[in-house]
Amino acid sequence: MNLMISSALKEITSTIIINGFKEVCKNIFNKNIETVIINEADFHSIIEDQILYEEFPDIEIRPLISFLKSYDVELIVRQIYIPDAHKSHEAIKDDFCLLFSQHFDLKFKDCEPFALKIYFILVEGCKLTLNKAILEGNISAHDAKTQFSLSLIEDKIDTIAEDVTSIKKKVDIHFGKVINKFVS
């Protein structure tokens, strides 16, 4: 009898431990951090703090928040925080502004400054949500934040490399190929 109770307790205990471990891993190693960001971000308060509705009176706050929580914006968030292939933040901003203009059926050039403000609100909301998730122990949130920082550094390096190439071309044009012997 004691053997049966002991065996049953071992099985129940191991099941509880395994299921508990799976739940902890699911929370810590959340693979869909962009979904967590979009669902938990408090865009409403950030919008109210940073946007003057006189700038673009055609857009109300509810459709704007609905847009920020849409699947299309979630894909933008994925590009920002979990890049598969390096895409510059300038290109991502342009994609966001184009998406914004299409979603609200506005001309791109007319809404671009306002759309950029909304983009920065999106990034700010994501940062706050990631910080909260990091404090709660979500390792994927930490990875996403680190990836964002690394991609910003990559963008800066790419810009510097483009600037160096441009300067080198100007020097070549201005002084001829003689200087290449010393630089290369």
N, C-alpha and C. Protein backbone atom coordinates (compact mmCIF):
# COMPACT_ATOMS: atom_id res chain seq x y z
N MET A 1 0.83 -1.19 0.00
CA MET A 1 0.00 0.00 0.00
C MET A 1 0.87 1.26 0.00
N ASN A 2 1.88 1.28 0.92
CA ASN A 2 2.79 2.41 0.97
C ASN A 2 3.55 2.57 -0.34
N LEU A 3 3.86 1.44 -0.97
CA LEU A 3 4.58 1.46 -2.23
C LEU A 3 3.73 2.12 -3.31
N MET A 4 2.42 1.82 -3.33
CA MET A 4 1.51 2.43 -4.32
C MET A 4 1.38 3.93 -4.08
N ILE A 5 1.26 4.34 -2.84
CA ILE A 5 1.14 5.76 -2.51
C ILE A 5 2.43 6.49 -2.88
N SER A 6 3.54 5.88 -2.56
CA SER A 6 4.84 6.48 -2.88
C SER A 6 5.01 6.62 -4.39
N SER A 7 4.62 5.59 -5.12
CA SER A 7 4.72 5.60 -6.58
C SER A 7 3.80 6.67 -7.17
N ALA A 8 2.60 6.77 -6.66
CA ALA A 8 1.64 7.78 -7.15
C ALA A 8 2.14 9.18 -6.85
N LEU A 9 2.69 9.38 -5.64
CA LEU A 9 3.23 10.69 -5.29
C LEU A 9 4.40 11.08 -6.18
N LYS A 10 5.27 10.13 -6.48
CA LYS A 10 6.40 10.39 -7.38
C LYS A 10 5.90 10.82 -8.75
N GLU A 11 4.89 10.12 -9.26
CA GLU A 11 4.35 10.43 -10.59
C GLU A 11 3.67 11.79 -10.59
N ILE A 12 2.90 12.09 -9.58
CA ILE A 12 2.23 13.39 -9.49
C ILE A 12 3.25 14.51 -9.35
N THR A 13 4.24 14.30 -8.49
CA THR A 13 5.28 15.30 -8.27
C THR A 13 6.06 15.57 -9.55
N SER A 14 6.44 14.51 -10.25
CA SER A 14 7.20 14.70 -11.48
C SER A 14 6.35 15.41 -12.54
N THR A 15 5.08 15.10 -12.61
CA THR A 15 4.18 15.76 -13.56
C THR A 15 4.06 17.25 -13.23
N ILE A 16 3.90 17.57 -11.96
CA ILE A 16 3.80 18.97 -11.54
C ILE A 16 5.10 19.71 -11.86
N ILE A 17 6.22 19.09 -11.58
CA ILE A 17 7.52 19.72 -11.84
C ILE A 17 7.71 19.95 -13.34
N ILE A 18 7.40 18.94 -14.14
CA ILE A 18 7.57 19.07 -15.60
C ILE A 18 6.65 20.15 -16.15
N ASN A 19 5.39 20.12 -15.76
CA ASN A 19 4.45 21.15 -16.25
C ASN A 19 4.83 22.54 -15.77
N GLY A 20 5.29 22.63 -14.53
CA GLY A 20 5.74 23.92 -14.01
C GLY A 20 6.94 24.44 -14.78
N PHE A 21 7.88 23.53 -15.06
CA PHE A 21 9.06 23.90 -15.84
C PHE A 21 8.67 24.37 -17.23
N LYS A 22 7.74 23.66 -17.88
CA LYS A 22 7.27 24.07 -19.22
C LYS A 22 6.65 25.46 -19.18
N GLU A 23 5.86 25.74 -18.16
CA GLU A 23 5.21 27.05 -18.02
C GLU A 23 6.25 28.15 -17.81
N VAL A 24 7.23 27.88 -16.96
CA VAL A 24 8.28 28.86 -16.71
C VAL A 24 9.06 29.12 -17.99
N CYS A 25 9.41 28.07 -18.71
CA CYS A 25 10.15 28.23 -19.97
C CYS A 25 9.33 29.00 -20.99
N LYS A 26 8.03 28.73 -21.04
CA LYS A 26 7.17 29.44 -21.97
C LYS A 26 7.17 30.94 -21.66
N ASN A 27 7.14 31.29 -20.39
CA ASN A 27 7.15 32.70 -20.00
C ASN A 27 8.52 33.35 -20.19
N ILE A 28 9.56 32.61 -19.87
CA ILE A 28 10.91 33.18 -19.96
C ILE A 28 11.39 33.24 -21.41
N PHE A 29 11.17 32.19 -22.15
CA PHE A 29 11.67 32.13 -23.52
C PHE A 29 10.54 32.33 -24.53
N ASN A 30 9.79 33.38 -24.37
CA ASN A 30 8.68 33.67 -25.27
C ASN A 30 9.21 34.00 -26.65
N LYS A 31 8.90 33.19 -27.64
CA LYS A 31 9.41 33.37 -29.00
C LYS A 31 8.69 34.50 -29.73
N ASN A 32 7.49 34.82 -29.37
CA ASN A 32 6.73 35.85 -30.06
C ASN A 32 6.72 37.14 -29.26
N ILE A 33 7.89 37.69 -29.02
CA ILE A 33 7.99 38.89 -28.20
C ILE A 33 7.27 40.06 -28.85
N GLU A 34 7.22 40.08 -30.18
CA GLU A 34 6.52 41.17 -30.85
C GLU A 34 5.03 41.17 -30.52
N THR A 35 4.46 39.99 -30.33
CA THR A 35 3.05 39.90 -29.94
C THR A 35 2.87 40.42 -28.52
N VAL A 36 3.79 40.06 -27.64
CA VAL A 36 3.75 40.56 -26.26
C VAL A 36 3.84 42.08 -26.26
N ILE A 37 4.76 42.61 -27.06
CA ILE A 37 4.94 44.07 -27.12
C ILE A 37 3.66 44.74 -27.57
N ILE A 38 3.10 44.28 -28.67
CA ILE A 38 1.90 44.91 -29.24
C ILE A 38 0.73 44.80 -28.28
N ASN A 39 0.54 43.64 -27.68
CA ASN A 39 -0.62 43.44 -26.81
C ASN A 39 -0.53 44.20 -25.49
N GLU A 40 0.69 44.37 -24.97
CA GLU A 40 0.83 44.97 -23.64
C GLU A 40 1.24 46.44 -23.65
N ALA A 41 1.61 46.96 -24.80
CA ALA A 41 2.06 48.36 -24.86
C ALA A 41 0.89 49.31 -24.59
N ASP A 42 1.16 50.35 -23.81
CA ASP A 42 0.16 51.37 -23.50
C ASP A 42 0.39 52.58 -24.41
N PHE A 43 -0.05 52.44 -25.65
CA PHE A 43 0.15 53.51 -26.62
C PHE A 43 -0.73 54.72 -26.31
N HIS A 44 -1.87 54.49 -25.69
CA HIS A 44 -2.82 55.57 -25.42
C HIS A 44 -2.18 56.69 -24.61
N SER A 45 -1.52 56.34 -23.51
CA SER A 45 -0.94 57.39 -22.65
C SER A 45 0.22 58.09 -23.35
N ILE A 46 1.01 57.36 -24.13
CA ILE A 46 2.12 57.99 -24.85
C ILE A 46 1.59 58.94 -25.92
N ILE A 47 0.55 58.53 -26.62
CA ILE A 47 -0.05 59.38 -27.65
C ILE A 47 -0.59 60.66 -27.01
N GLU A 48 -1.27 60.50 -25.90
CA GLU A 48 -1.84 61.68 -25.24
C GLU A 48 -0.75 62.65 -24.77
N ASP A 49 0.40 62.11 -24.37
CA ASP A 49 1.50 62.96 -23.92
C ASP A 49 2.22 63.66 -25.07
N GLN A 50 2.30 63.00 -26.22
CA GLN A 50 3.20 63.48 -27.26
C GLN A 50 2.53 64.04 -28.52
N ILE A 51 1.25 63.85 -28.70
CA ILE A 51 0.62 64.27 -29.94
C ILE A 51 -0.36 65.41 -29.69
N LEU A 52 -0.24 66.40 -30.52
CA LEU A 52 -1.23 67.47 -30.56
C LEU A 52 -2.17 67.14 -31.71
N TYR A 53 -3.43 66.97 -31.41
CA TYR A 53 -4.37 66.54 -32.44
C TYR A 53 -4.63 67.61 -33.48
N GLU A 54 -4.22 68.84 -33.18
CA GLU A 54 -4.38 69.90 -34.17
C GLU A 54 -3.45 69.65 -35.35
N GLU A 55 -2.37 68.90 -35.13
CA GLU A 55 -1.43 68.61 -36.20
C GLU A 55 -2.08 67.81 -37.32
N PHE A 56 -2.92 66.87 -36.95
CA PHE A 56 -3.57 66.02 -37.93
C PHE A 56 -4.97 65.67 -37.41
N PRO A 57 -5.90 66.61 -37.51
CA PRO A 57 -7.21 66.42 -36.88
C PRO A 57 -8.08 65.34 -37.50
N ASP A 58 -7.71 64.84 -38.70
CA ASP A 58 -8.53 63.83 -39.36
C ASP A 58 -8.46 62.47 -38.66
N ILE A 59 -7.45 62.27 -37.84
CA ILE A 59 -7.24 60.95 -37.23
C ILE A 59 -7.58 61.02 -35.75
N GLU A 60 -8.47 60.14 -35.33
CA GLU A 60 -8.86 60.08 -33.92
C GLU A 60 -8.01 59.04 -33.20
N ILE A 61 -8.04 59.09 -31.89
CA ILE A 61 -7.15 58.25 -31.09
C ILE A 61 -7.48 56.76 -31.19
N ARG A 62 -8.75 56.39 -31.21
CA ARG A 62 -9.10 54.97 -31.24
C ARG A 62 -8.62 54.28 -32.51
N PRO A 63 -8.87 54.85 -33.69
CA PRO A 63 -8.33 54.20 -34.89
C PRO A 63 -6.80 54.16 -34.89
N LEU A 64 -6.19 55.18 -34.30
CA LEU A 64 -4.74 55.23 -34.24
C LEU A 64 -4.19 54.10 -33.35
N ILE A 65 -4.80 53.90 -32.21
CA ILE A 65 -4.38 52.81 -31.32
C ILE A 65 -4.67 51.46 -31.95
N SER A 66 -5.81 51.36 -32.61
CA SER A 66 -6.15 50.13 -33.32
C SER A 66 -5.11 49.83 -34.40
N PHE A 67 -4.67 50.86 -35.11
CA PHE A 67 -3.62 50.70 -36.11
C PHE A 67 -2.33 50.22 -35.46
N LEU A 68 -1.94 50.82 -34.33
CA LEU A 68 -0.70 50.45 -33.65
C LEU A 68 -0.74 49.02 -33.11
N LYS A 69 -1.91 48.48 -32.91
CA LYS A 69 -2.04 47.12 -32.39
C LYS A 69 -2.39 46.12 -33.50
N SER A 70 -2.31 46.58 -34.76
CA SER A 70 -2.67 45.73 -35.89
C SER A 70 -1.56 44.73 -36.23
N TYR A 71 -1.92 43.74 -37.00
CA TYR A 71 -0.96 42.72 -37.41
C TYR A 71 0.14 43.33 -38.28
N ASP A 72 -0.21 44.28 -39.15
CA ASP A 72 0.79 44.92 -40.02
C ASP A 72 1.85 45.65 -39.19
N VAL A 73 1.42 46.33 -38.15
CA VAL A 73 2.38 47.02 -37.28
C VAL A 73 3.18 46.00 -36.48
N GLU A 74 2.58 44.90 -36.14
CA GLU A 74 3.31 43.83 -35.45
C GLU A 74 4.46 43.35 -36.34
N LEU A 75 4.24 43.29 -37.64
CA LEU A 75 5.31 42.90 -38.56
C LEU A 75 6.42 43.95 -38.58
N ILE A 76 6.06 45.22 -38.47
CA ILE A 76 7.06 46.29 -38.38
C ILE A 76 7.87 46.11 -37.09
N VAL A 77 7.19 45.84 -35.99
CA VAL A 77 7.86 45.63 -34.70
C VAL A 77 8.82 44.44 -34.81
N ARG A 78 8.41 43.41 -35.50
CA ARG A 78 9.29 42.25 -35.70
C ARG A 78 10.55 42.67 -36.45
N GLN A 79 10.40 43.53 -37.46
CA GLN A 79 11.57 44.00 -38.21
C GLN A 79 12.50 44.83 -37.32
N ILE A 80 11.92 45.60 -36.41
CA ILE A 80 12.72 46.46 -35.54
C ILE A 80 13.48 45.63 -34.51
N TYR A 81 12.79 44.71 -33.86
CA TYR A 81 13.37 44.03 -32.70
C TYR A 81 13.88 42.62 -32.96
N ILE A 82 13.42 41.98 -34.03
CA ILE A 82 13.85 40.62 -34.31
C ILE A 82 14.16 40.51 -35.79
N PRO A 83 15.19 41.21 -36.24
CA PRO A 83 15.48 41.19 -37.67
C PRO A 83 16.06 39.87 -38.13
N ASP A 84 15.49 39.34 -39.22
CA ASP A 84 16.05 38.13 -39.83
C ASP A 84 17.22 38.52 -40.74
N ALA A 85 17.00 39.53 -41.53
CA ALA A 85 18.05 40.09 -42.37
C ALA A 85 18.15 41.56 -42.01
N HIS A 86 19.36 42.08 -42.00
CA HIS A 86 19.54 43.47 -41.57
C HIS A 86 18.83 44.41 -42.53
N LYS A 87 17.91 45.14 -42.00
CA LYS A 87 17.19 46.18 -42.74
C LYS A 87 17.39 47.45 -41.93
N SER A 88 17.80 48.52 -42.57
CA SER A 88 18.12 49.74 -41.85
C SER A 88 16.87 50.31 -41.18
N HIS A 89 17.09 51.03 -40.11
CA HIS A 89 15.96 51.64 -39.41
C HIS A 89 15.32 52.72 -40.27
N GLU A 90 16.08 53.34 -41.13
CA GLU A 90 15.51 54.32 -42.07
C GLU A 90 14.51 53.63 -43.00
N ALA A 91 14.88 52.45 -43.50
CA ALA A 91 13.98 51.70 -44.39
C ALA A 91 12.73 51.25 -43.63
N ILE A 92 12.91 50.84 -42.38
CA ILE A 92 11.77 50.42 -41.56
C ILE A 92 10.85 51.62 -41.30
N LYS A 93 11.43 52.78 -40.99
CA LYS A 93 10.62 54.00 -40.80
C LYS A 93 9.83 54.32 -42.05
N ASP A 94 10.49 54.22 -43.21
CA ASP A 94 9.79 54.49 -44.48
C ASP A 94 8.64 53.51 -44.69
N ASP A 95 8.89 52.23 -44.38
CA ASP A 95 7.82 51.22 -44.50
C ASP A 95 6.65 51.56 -43.58
N PHE A 96 6.97 51.98 -42.36
CA PHE A 96 5.93 52.33 -41.40
C PHE A 96 5.11 53.53 -41.91
N CYS A 97 5.80 54.55 -42.39
CA CYS A 97 5.10 55.75 -42.89
C CYS A 97 4.21 55.40 -44.09
N LEU A 98 4.70 54.53 -44.96
CA LEU A 98 3.90 54.10 -46.11
C LEU A 98 2.68 53.30 -45.64
N LEU A 99 2.89 52.40 -44.70
CA LEU A 99 1.79 51.62 -44.12
C LEU A 99 0.76 52.55 -43.48
N PHE A 100 1.24 53.55 -42.74
CA PHE A 100 0.35 54.52 -42.09
C PHE A 100 -0.49 55.26 -43.14
N SER A 101 0.15 55.73 -44.20
CA SER A 101 -0.58 56.48 -45.23
C SER A 101 -1.60 55.59 -45.92
N GLN A 102 -1.25 54.34 -46.17
CA GLN A 102 -2.20 53.42 -46.82
C GLN A 102 -3.35 53.07 -45.88
N HIS A 103 -3.03 52.85 -44.62
CA HIS A 103 -4.07 52.46 -43.65
C HIS A 103 -5.12 53.56 -43.49
N PHE A 104 -4.67 54.80 -43.43
CA PHE A 104 -5.59 55.91 -43.23
C PHE A 104 -5.98 56.60 -44.54
N ASP A 105 -5.55 56.00 -45.66
CA ASP A 105 -5.88 56.50 -46.99
C ASP A 105 -5.50 57.98 -47.14
N LEU A 106 -4.23 58.26 -46.85
CA LEU A 106 -3.70 59.62 -46.93
C LEU A 106 -2.52 59.64 -47.90
N LYS A 107 -2.22 60.82 -48.42
CA LYS A 107 -1.06 60.96 -49.28
C LYS A 107 0.20 60.88 -48.41
N PHE A 108 1.16 60.14 -48.91
CA PHE A 108 2.39 59.88 -48.16
C PHE A 108 3.07 61.18 -47.73
N LYS A 109 3.27 62.09 -48.64
CA LYS A 109 3.98 63.33 -48.33
C LYS A 109 3.22 64.20 -47.33
N ASP A 110 1.90 64.15 -47.37
CA ASP A 110 1.09 64.96 -46.45
C ASP A 110 1.17 64.46 -45.01
N CYS A 111 1.28 63.16 -44.85
CA CYS A 111 1.21 62.59 -43.49
C CYS A 111 2.56 62.12 -42.97
N GLU A 112 3.61 62.22 -43.75
CA GLU A 112 4.91 61.68 -43.33
C GLU A 112 5.42 62.24 -42.00
N PRO A 113 5.40 63.57 -41.77
CA PRO A 113 5.88 64.06 -40.46
C PRO A 113 5.06 63.51 -39.28
N PHE A 114 3.75 63.44 -39.46
CA PHE A 114 2.88 62.91 -38.40
C PHE A 114 3.13 61.41 -38.23
N ALA A 115 3.28 60.69 -39.34
CA ALA A 115 3.53 59.25 -39.28
C ALA A 115 4.85 58.96 -38.56
N LEU A 116 5.86 59.81 -38.78
CA LEU A 116 7.13 59.63 -38.08
C LEU A 116 6.95 59.80 -36.57
N LYS A 117 6.12 60.76 -36.17
CA LYS A 117 5.84 60.91 -34.73
C LYS A 117 5.19 59.65 -34.18
N ILE A 118 4.27 59.09 -34.94
CA ILE A 118 3.60 57.86 -34.52
C ILE A 118 4.61 56.70 -34.47
N TYR A 119 5.54 56.68 -35.41
CA TYR A 119 6.58 55.65 -35.40
C TYR A 119 7.40 55.74 -34.10
N PHE A 120 7.78 56.95 -33.72
CA PHE A 120 8.57 57.10 -32.50
C PHE A 120 7.74 56.77 -31.26
N ILE A 121 6.44 56.99 -31.32
CA ILE A 121 5.55 56.56 -30.23
C ILE A 121 5.53 55.03 -30.17
N LEU A 122 5.49 54.39 -31.34
CA LEU A 122 5.53 52.93 -31.39
C LEU A 122 6.81 52.41 -30.73
N VAL A 123 7.94 52.99 -31.10
CA VAL A 123 9.23 52.56 -30.54
C VAL A 123 9.28 52.82 -29.03
N GLU A 124 8.79 53.99 -28.60
CA GLU A 124 8.76 54.31 -27.17
C GLU A 124 7.89 53.32 -26.40
N GLY A 125 6.71 53.03 -26.93
CA GLY A 125 5.82 52.05 -26.29
C GLY A 125 6.45 50.67 -26.22
N CYS A 126 7.16 50.30 -27.27
CA CYS A 126 7.84 49.01 -27.29
C CYS A 126 8.95 48.97 -26.25
N LYS A 127 9.72 50.05 -26.15
CA LYS A 127 10.81 50.10 -25.16
C LYS A 127 10.26 49.95 -23.74
N LEU A 128 9.20 50.68 -23.44
CA LEU A 128 8.61 50.59 -22.10
C LEU A 128 8.10 49.18 -21.81
N THR A 129 7.46 48.58 -22.80
CA THR A 129 6.93 47.23 -22.63
C THR A 129 8.06 46.22 -22.48
N LEU A 130 9.12 46.38 -23.27
CA LEU A 130 10.27 45.48 -23.15
C LEU A 130 10.92 45.61 -21.77
N ASN A 131 11.07 46.84 -21.29
CA ASN A 131 11.65 47.03 -19.95
C ASN A 131 10.83 46.33 -18.89
N LYS A 132 9.52 46.44 -19.00
CA LYS A 132 8.64 45.77 -18.04
C LYS A 132 8.79 44.25 -18.13
N ALA A 133 8.84 43.74 -19.37
CA ALA A 133 8.99 42.29 -19.55
C ALA A 133 10.34 41.81 -19.03
N ILE A 134 11.38 42.62 -19.20
CA ILE A 134 12.71 42.25 -18.69
C ILE A 134 12.67 42.16 -17.17
N LEU A 135 12.01 43.13 -16.53
CA LEU A 135 11.89 43.10 -15.07
C LEU A 135 11.12 41.87 -14.58
N GLU A 136 10.22 41.37 -15.44
CA GLU A 136 9.44 40.17 -15.09
C GLU A 136 10.21 38.89 -15.42
N GLY A 137 11.42 39.03 -15.97
CA GLY A 137 12.25 37.86 -16.24
C GLY A 137 12.13 37.28 -17.63
N ASN A 138 11.55 38.00 -18.55
CA ASN A 138 11.40 37.50 -19.92
C ASN A 138 12.71 37.69 -20.68
N ILE A 139 13.41 36.60 -20.93
CA ILE A 139 14.71 36.67 -21.59
C ILE A 139 14.56 37.10 -23.05
N SER A 140 13.49 36.72 -23.71
CA SER A 140 13.27 37.14 -25.10
C SER A 140 13.17 38.65 -25.20
N ALA A 141 12.61 39.28 -24.19
CA ALA A 141 12.52 40.75 -24.19
C ALA A 141 13.92 41.35 -24.11
N HIS A 142 14.76 40.76 -23.29
CA HIS A 142 16.14 41.24 -23.19
C HIS A 142 16.86 41.04 -24.53
N ASP A 143 16.66 39.89 -25.15
CA ASP A 143 17.26 39.62 -26.45
C ASP A 143 16.79 40.62 -27.50
N ALA A 144 15.49 40.93 -27.49
CA ALA A 144 14.94 41.87 -28.46
C ALA A 144 15.53 43.26 -28.26
N LYS A 145 15.66 43.67 -27.02
CA LYS A 145 16.22 44.99 -26.73
C LYS A 145 17.69 45.05 -27.15
N THR A 146 18.42 43.99 -26.88
CA THR A 146 19.83 43.92 -27.29
C THR A 146 19.94 43.93 -28.81
N GLN A 147 19.08 43.19 -29.47
CA GLN A 147 19.10 43.15 -30.94
C GLN A 147 18.82 44.53 -31.52
N PHE A 148 17.90 45.26 -30.91
CA PHE A 148 17.59 46.62 -31.35
C PHE A 148 18.83 47.50 -31.24
N SER A 149 19.51 47.42 -30.11
CA SER A 149 20.73 48.22 -29.92
C SER A 149 21.80 47.85 -30.94
N LEU A 150 21.97 46.56 -31.17
CA LEU A 150 22.96 46.11 -32.14
C LEU A 150 22.62 46.57 -33.56
N SER A 151 21.36 46.54 -33.89
CA SER A 151 20.98 46.98 -35.25
C SER A 151 21.18 48.49 -35.42
N LEU A 152 20.99 49.26 -34.34
CA LEU A 152 21.29 50.69 -34.41
C LEU A 152 22.78 50.92 -34.64
N ILE A 153 23.61 50.13 -33.97
CA ILE A 153 25.06 50.23 -34.16
C ILE A 153 25.43 49.83 -35.59
N GLU A 154 24.82 48.77 -36.10
CA GLU A 154 25.07 48.36 -37.49
C GLU A 154 24.70 49.48 -38.46
N ASP A 155 23.57 50.13 -38.21
CA ASP A 155 23.17 51.26 -39.07
C ASP A 155 24.21 52.36 -39.06
N LYS A 156 24.73 52.67 -37.87
CA LYS A 156 25.75 53.73 -37.77
C LYS A 156 27.03 53.33 -38.49
N ILE A 157 27.43 52.08 -38.35
CA ILE A 157 28.63 51.59 -39.04
C ILE A 157 28.42 51.66 -40.55
N ASP A 158 27.24 51.25 -41.03
CA ASP A 158 26.95 51.33 -42.46
C ASP A 158 27.01 52.76 -42.96
N THR A 159 26.47 53.69 -42.17
CA THR A 159 26.50 55.11 -42.54
C THR A 159 27.93 55.63 -42.60
N ILE A 160 28.74 55.25 -41.64
CA ILE A 160 30.15 55.67 -41.63
C ILE A 160 30.88 55.10 -42.85
N ALA A 161 30.62 53.84 -43.16
CA ALA A 161 31.26 53.21 -44.32
C ALA A 161 30.85 53.92 -45.61
N GLU A 162 29.58 54.28 -45.72
CA GLU A 162 29.11 55.03 -46.90
C GLU A 162 29.76 56.40 -46.97
N ASP A 163 29.90 57.06 -45.83
CA ASP A 163 30.54 58.37 -45.79
C ASP A 163 32.01 58.29 -46.20
N VAL A 164 32.71 57.26 -45.72
CA VAL A 164 34.12 57.08 -46.07
C VAL A 164 34.26 56.83 -47.57
N THR A 165 33.39 56.00 -48.12
CA THR A 165 33.42 55.72 -49.56
C THR A 165 33.15 56.99 -50.35
N SER A 166 32.19 57.76 -49.91
CA SER A 166 31.86 59.02 -50.59
C SER A 166 33.02 60.01 -50.53
N ILE A 167 33.64 60.12 -49.38
CA ILE A 167 34.79 61.03 -49.22
C ILE A 167 35.95 60.57 -50.10
N LYS A 168 36.17 59.25 -50.11
CA LYS A 168 37.25 58.71 -50.93
C LYS A 168 37.02 59.01 -52.41
N LYS A 169 35.78 58.89 -52.87
CA LYS A 169 35.46 59.20 -54.27
C LYS A 169 35.69 60.68 -54.56
N LYS A 170 35.29 61.53 -53.64
CA LYS A 170 35.49 62.97 -53.84
C LYS A 170 36.97 63.32 -53.88
N VAL A 171 37.74 62.68 -53.01
CA VAL A 171 39.19 62.92 -53.00
C VAL A 171 39.80 62.44 -54.31
N ASP A 172 39.37 61.26 -54.77
CA ASP A 172 39.87 60.72 -56.03
C ASP A 172 39.56 61.66 -57.20
N ILE A 173 38.36 62.18 -57.21
CA ILE A 173 37.96 63.10 -58.28
C ILE A 173 38.76 64.39 -58.18
N HIS A 174 38.90 64.86 -56.98
CA HIS A 174 39.54 66.16 -56.77
C HIS A 174 41.06 66.12 -56.96
N PHE A 175 41.71 65.08 -56.44
CA PHE A 175 43.16 65.01 -56.48
C PHE A 175 43.71 63.95 -57.42
N GLY A 176 42.85 63.20 -58.00
CA GLY A 176 43.31 62.15 -58.90
C GLY A 176 43.65 60.88 -58.16
N LYS A 177 44.11 59.89 -58.89
CA LYS A 177 44.39 58.56 -58.32
C LYS A 177 45.71 58.52 -57.55
N VAL A 178 46.50 59.56 -57.56
CA VAL A 178 47.80 59.57 -56.89
C VAL A 178 47.65 59.28 -55.40
N ILE A 179 46.62 59.82 -54.79
CA ILE A 179 46.45 59.68 -53.35
C ILE A 179 46.13 58.25 -52.93
N ASN A 180 45.57 57.45 -53.84
CA ASN A 180 45.25 56.06 -53.52
C ASN A 180 46.48 55.24 -53.15
N LYS A 181 47.63 55.60 -53.70
CA LYS A 181 48.85 54.86 -53.39
C LYS A 181 49.16 54.95 -51.90
N PHE A 182 48.83 56.09 -51.30
CA PHE A 182 49.15 56.29 -49.89
C PHE A 182 48.03 55.81 -48.96
N VAL A 183 46.79 55.85 -49.42
CA VAL A 183 45.65 55.49 -48.58
C VAL A 183 45.40 53.99 -48.60
N SER A 184 45.48 53.38 -49.76
CA SER A 184 45.17 51.96 -49.88
C SER A 184 46.26 51.16 -49.37
